[in-house]
Protein backbone atom coordinates (compact mmCIF):
# COMPACT_ATOMS: atom_id res chain seq x y z
CA MET A 1 0.00 0.00 0.00
CA SER A 2 1.29 3.46 -0.84
CA PRO A 3 2.40 5.41 2.26
CA ARG A 4 0.73 8.71 3.11
CA GLY A 5 2.29 11.75 1.46
CA VAL A 6 3.77 9.80 -1.45
CA ALA A 7 2.44 10.86 -4.85
CA ILE A 8 0.82 8.11 -6.93
CA PRO A 9 1.27 8.48 -10.70
CA ASP A 10 -1.99 8.66 -12.69
CA VAL A 11 -4.10 8.11 -9.60
CA ARG A 12 -7.42 8.50 -11.43
CA GLU A 13 -6.64 5.65 -13.83
CA ARG A 14 -5.34 3.50 -10.98
CA LEU A 15 -8.62 3.96 -9.11
CA PHE A 16 -10.71 3.45 -12.26
CA ALA A 17 -8.92 0.20 -13.09
CA ALA A 18 -9.38 -0.98 -9.50
CA ALA A 19 -13.11 -0.20 -9.68
CA GLU A 20 -13.42 -2.26 -12.86
CA ARG A 21 -11.83 -5.24 -11.13
CA VAL A 22 -14.14 -4.86 -8.10
CA LEU A 23 -17.19 -4.65 -10.37
CA ALA A 24 -16.13 -7.73 -12.32
CA ARG A 25 -15.57 -9.71 -9.12
CA GLU A 26 -18.27 -8.45 -6.74
CA GLY A 27 -20.83 -6.61 -8.86
CA THR A 28 -22.30 -3.20 -8.09
CA ALA A 29 -23.04 -4.09 -4.44
CA GLY A 30 -19.32 -4.45 -3.79
CA LEU A 31 -18.34 -1.04 -5.16
CA THR A 32 -17.43 1.15 -2.19
CA ASN A 33 -14.73 3.65 -1.39
CA ARG A 34 -13.00 1.04 0.76
CA SER A 35 -13.16 -1.77 -1.81
CA VAL A 36 -11.78 0.47 -4.56
CA THR A 37 -8.92 1.93 -2.54
CA GLU A 38 -7.98 -1.47 -1.11
CA GLU A 39 -8.01 -2.95 -4.62
CA ALA A 40 -5.84 -0.05 -5.80
CA GLY A 41 -3.46 -0.54 -2.86
CA CYS A 42 -3.71 3.01 -1.60
CA ALA A 43 -4.97 4.95 1.43
CA LYS A 44 -8.74 5.04 1.98
CA GLY A 45 -8.89 8.83 1.79
CA LEU A 46 -7.27 8.99 -1.63
CA LEU A 47 -10.51 8.63 -3.58
CA TYR A 48 -12.01 11.63 -1.80
CA ASN A 49 -8.89 13.67 -2.50
CA HIS A 50 -9.73 13.45 -6.21
CA PHE A 51 -13.52 13.06 -6.32
CA ALA A 52 -16.30 14.80 -4.41
CA ASP A 53 -17.96 11.52 -3.41
CA LEU A 54 -18.56 8.00 -4.67
CA ASP A 55 -21.25 9.19 -7.11
CA ASP A 56 -18.77 11.63 -8.61
CA PHE A 57 -16.18 8.87 -8.88
CA VAL A 58 -18.55 6.47 -10.66
CA THR A 59 -19.76 9.28 -12.95
CA GLN A 60 -16.22 10.11 -13.99
CA LEU A 61 -15.45 6.40 -14.49
CA VAL A 62 -18.44 6.00 -16.84
CA LEU A 63 -17.61 9.19 -18.77
CA ASP A 64 -13.94 8.25 -19.07
CA ARG A 65 -14.64 4.76 -20.40
CA PHE A 66 -17.23 6.01 -22.92
CA ALA A 67 -14.82 8.73 -24.06
CA ARG A 68 -12.24 5.99 -24.71
CA ILE A 69 -14.77 4.04 -26.74
CA ALA A 70 -15.66 7.14 -28.76
CA ALA A 71 -11.96 7.76 -29.44
CA GLU A 72 -11.49 4.14 -30.53
CA VAL A 73 -14.47 4.17 -32.89
CA GLY A 74 -13.85 7.73 -34.13
CA PRO A 75 -11.38 6.78 -36.92
CA LEU A 76 -13.85 4.24 -38.38
CA PRO A 77 -14.90 6.43 -41.38
CA GLY A 78 -11.27 6.50 -42.50
CA ARG A 79 -11.32 2.72 -42.86
CA ALA A 80 -13.96 2.80 -45.59
CA GLY A 81 -12.82 0.67 -48.52
CA SER A 82 -10.44 -1.43 -46.45
CA GLY A 83 -11.15 -4.81 -44.89
CA THR A 84 -14.82 -5.74 -45.07
CA VAL A 85 -17.85 -3.74 -44.01
CA HIS A 86 -19.03 -6.46 -41.64
CA GLU A 87 -15.61 -6.87 -40.02
CA ASN A 88 -15.22 -3.11 -39.54
CA LEU A 89 -18.70 -2.73 -38.04
CA ALA A 90 -18.26 -5.76 -35.79
CA ALA A 91 -14.97 -4.35 -34.48
CA ALA A 92 -16.67 -1.03 -33.71
CA ALA A 93 -19.58 -2.77 -31.97
CA LEU A 94 -17.25 -4.90 -29.87
CA ALA A 95 -15.32 -1.76 -28.90
CA MET A 96 -18.62 -0.25 -27.74
CA LEU A 97 -19.43 -3.34 -25.73
CA GLY A 98 -15.95 -3.59 -24.23
CA THR A 99 -14.70 -6.15 -21.75
CA SER A 100 -15.98 -4.24 -18.70
CA GLY A 101 -18.75 -2.27 -20.40
CA PRO A 102 -21.71 -4.16 -18.92
CA ALA A 103 -20.33 -3.92 -15.39
CA ILE A 104 -19.71 -0.17 -15.71
CA ALA A 105 -23.16 0.38 -17.22
CA ALA A 106 -24.69 -1.59 -14.35
CA ALA A 107 -22.83 0.59 -11.86
CA ALA A 108 -24.26 3.72 -13.48
CA LEU A 109 -27.79 2.34 -13.52
CA SER A 110 -27.58 1.22 -9.90
CA ARG A 111 -26.91 4.79 -8.76
CA HIS A 112 -29.68 7.23 -9.71
CA GLU A 113 -27.55 10.34 -9.28
CA VAL A 114 -24.81 8.86 -11.46
CA ALA A 115 -27.24 8.06 -14.27
CA GLN A 116 -28.53 11.64 -14.20
CA ARG A 117 -25.05 13.18 -14.14
CA VAL A 118 -23.87 11.01 -17.03
CA ALA A 119 -26.97 11.87 -19.08
CA ARG A 120 -26.43 15.59 -18.46
CA SER A 121 -22.77 15.35 -19.44
CA TRP A 122 -23.61 13.58 -22.69
CA ALA A 123 -26.31 16.16 -23.43
CA ASP A 124 -23.68 18.87 -22.88
CA GLY A 125 -21.38 17.28 -25.45
CA ALA A 126 -19.21 14.81 -23.54
CA PRO A 127 -18.14 11.93 -25.85
CA GLY A 128 -20.61 9.10 -25.53
CA PRO A 129 -23.06 6.99 -27.53
CA GLY A 130 -23.96 9.91 -29.79
CA ALA A 131 -20.36 10.36 -30.92
CA VAL A 132 -20.08 6.63 -31.62
CA GLU A 133 -23.34 6.60 -33.57
CA GLY A 134 -22.13 9.56 -35.64
CA ALA A 135 -18.87 7.82 -36.53
CA VAL A 136 -20.73 4.68 -37.62
CA THR A 137 -23.10 6.77 -39.75
CA ARG A 138 -20.22 8.52 -41.51
CA TYR A 139 -18.51 5.19 -42.09
CA LEU A 140 -21.60 3.61 -43.63
CA GLU A 141 -22.16 6.65 -45.84
CA ALA A 142 -18.54 6.44 -47.02
CA GLU A 143 -18.94 2.75 -47.82
CA GLN A 144 -22.22 3.54 -49.59
CA ARG A 145 -20.39 5.95 -51.88
CA LEU A 146 -17.90 3.16 -52.64
CA GLY A 147 -20.72 0.75 -53.51
CA ARG A 148 -20.07 -1.56 -50.58
CA VAL A 149 -23.37 -0.68 -48.88
CA THR A 150 -26.65 -0.73 -50.82
CA PRO A 151 -27.64 2.65 -52.32
CA ASP A 152 -31.04 2.62 -50.62
CA ALA A 153 -29.65 1.88 -47.15
CA ASP A 154 -30.66 4.40 -44.47
CA CYS A 155 -27.21 4.83 -42.92
CA PRO A 156 -28.23 6.94 -39.90
CA MET A 157 -30.91 4.39 -39.01
CA LEU A 158 -28.51 1.47 -39.43
CA ALA A 159 -26.04 3.23 -37.13
CA LEU A 160 -28.81 3.89 -34.62
CA ALA A 161 -29.90 0.24 -34.75
CA LEU A 162 -26.35 -1.01 -34.20
CA ALA A 163 -25.54 1.44 -31.40
CA GLY A 164 -28.95 0.92 -29.82
CA THR A 165 -28.62 -2.85 -29.77
CA VAL A 166 -25.16 -2.66 -28.23
CA HIS A 167 -26.55 -0.19 -25.69
CA HIS A 168 -29.25 -2.75 -24.86
CA LEU A 169 -26.62 -5.45 -24.38
CA LEU A 170 -24.68 -3.11 -22.10
CA MET A 171 -27.67 -2.25 -19.96
CA HIS A 172 -29.38 -5.65 -20.03
CA PRO A 173 -26.68 -8.27 -20.65
CA GLY A 174 -28.97 -11.16 -19.67
CA PRO A 175 -27.90 -14.75 -20.37
CA GLN A 176 -25.61 -13.81 -23.25
CA PRO A 177 -22.55 -15.94 -24.06
CA GLN A 178 -19.26 -14.95 -22.51
CA ASP A 179 -17.80 -14.34 -25.98
CA SER A 180 -19.91 -11.63 -27.60
CA ALA A 181 -18.12 -11.71 -30.98
CA PRO A 182 -20.38 -14.32 -32.68
CA LEU A 183 -23.50 -12.50 -31.51
CA ILE A 184 -22.18 -9.15 -32.76
CA ARG A 185 -21.19 -10.60 -36.15
CA ARG A 186 -24.66 -12.11 -36.51
CA LEU A 187 -26.22 -8.75 -35.63
CA VAL A 188 -24.10 -6.88 -38.18
CA ALA A 189 -24.90 -9.40 -40.92
CA ALA A 190 -28.62 -9.02 -40.21
CA LEU A 191 -28.52 -5.22 -40.21
CA VAL A 192 -26.31 -4.60 -43.24
CA PRO A 193 -27.11 -6.82 -46.22
CA ALA A 194 -24.62 -7.17 -49.06
CA PRO A 195 -25.21 -5.21 -52.27
CA PRO A 196 -25.90 -7.45 -55.29
CA GLY A 197 -22.65 -8.96 -56.57
CA SER A 198 -20.52 -7.67 -53.71
CA VAL A 199 -20.86 -10.33 -50.99
CA ALA A 200 -17.08 -10.72 -50.80
CA ALA A 201 -16.61 -7.02 -50.15
CA LEU A 202 -18.73 -7.23 -47.02
């Protein structure tokens, strides 16, 4: 455990990573100031040195992880014409889902104040599902111009359907398989049919 008075590099990320491990192991009921700081190997008061309270901590955790997802999916339009449409969309969807995404979403939903703060931050422009949906729309439109998505496809609605389904899986994981990749690939194939004569391109 870090002694008092000794600076801890990148303390926010250390606490966030510890919270993810606690959520994966104990669920939302196990997420407390004490469990996070003990998991991080630091003094109990450290969390409150950097966050107003536990709700603030969980809010910032959710916003940080969604901002990372938005940054990961953001370059997707630039990949138009490379790889396959289905592979590119599946990779973006799996990035949205993430390895700890369901646990973090559950933590947000379990705390009313956190859910409200996150919603307000996204409404004010913080990177979140809207940014991801926009990147997927631009990607599909770029592929449409290249002839790899059908000309009559409603790209904004396809992006909304993909992002919305992943959002549902985040919020209501249910009895889904541990490996989400086959499910996501099946979803993408159902949403985005191949243009005539271009099955290989997808």
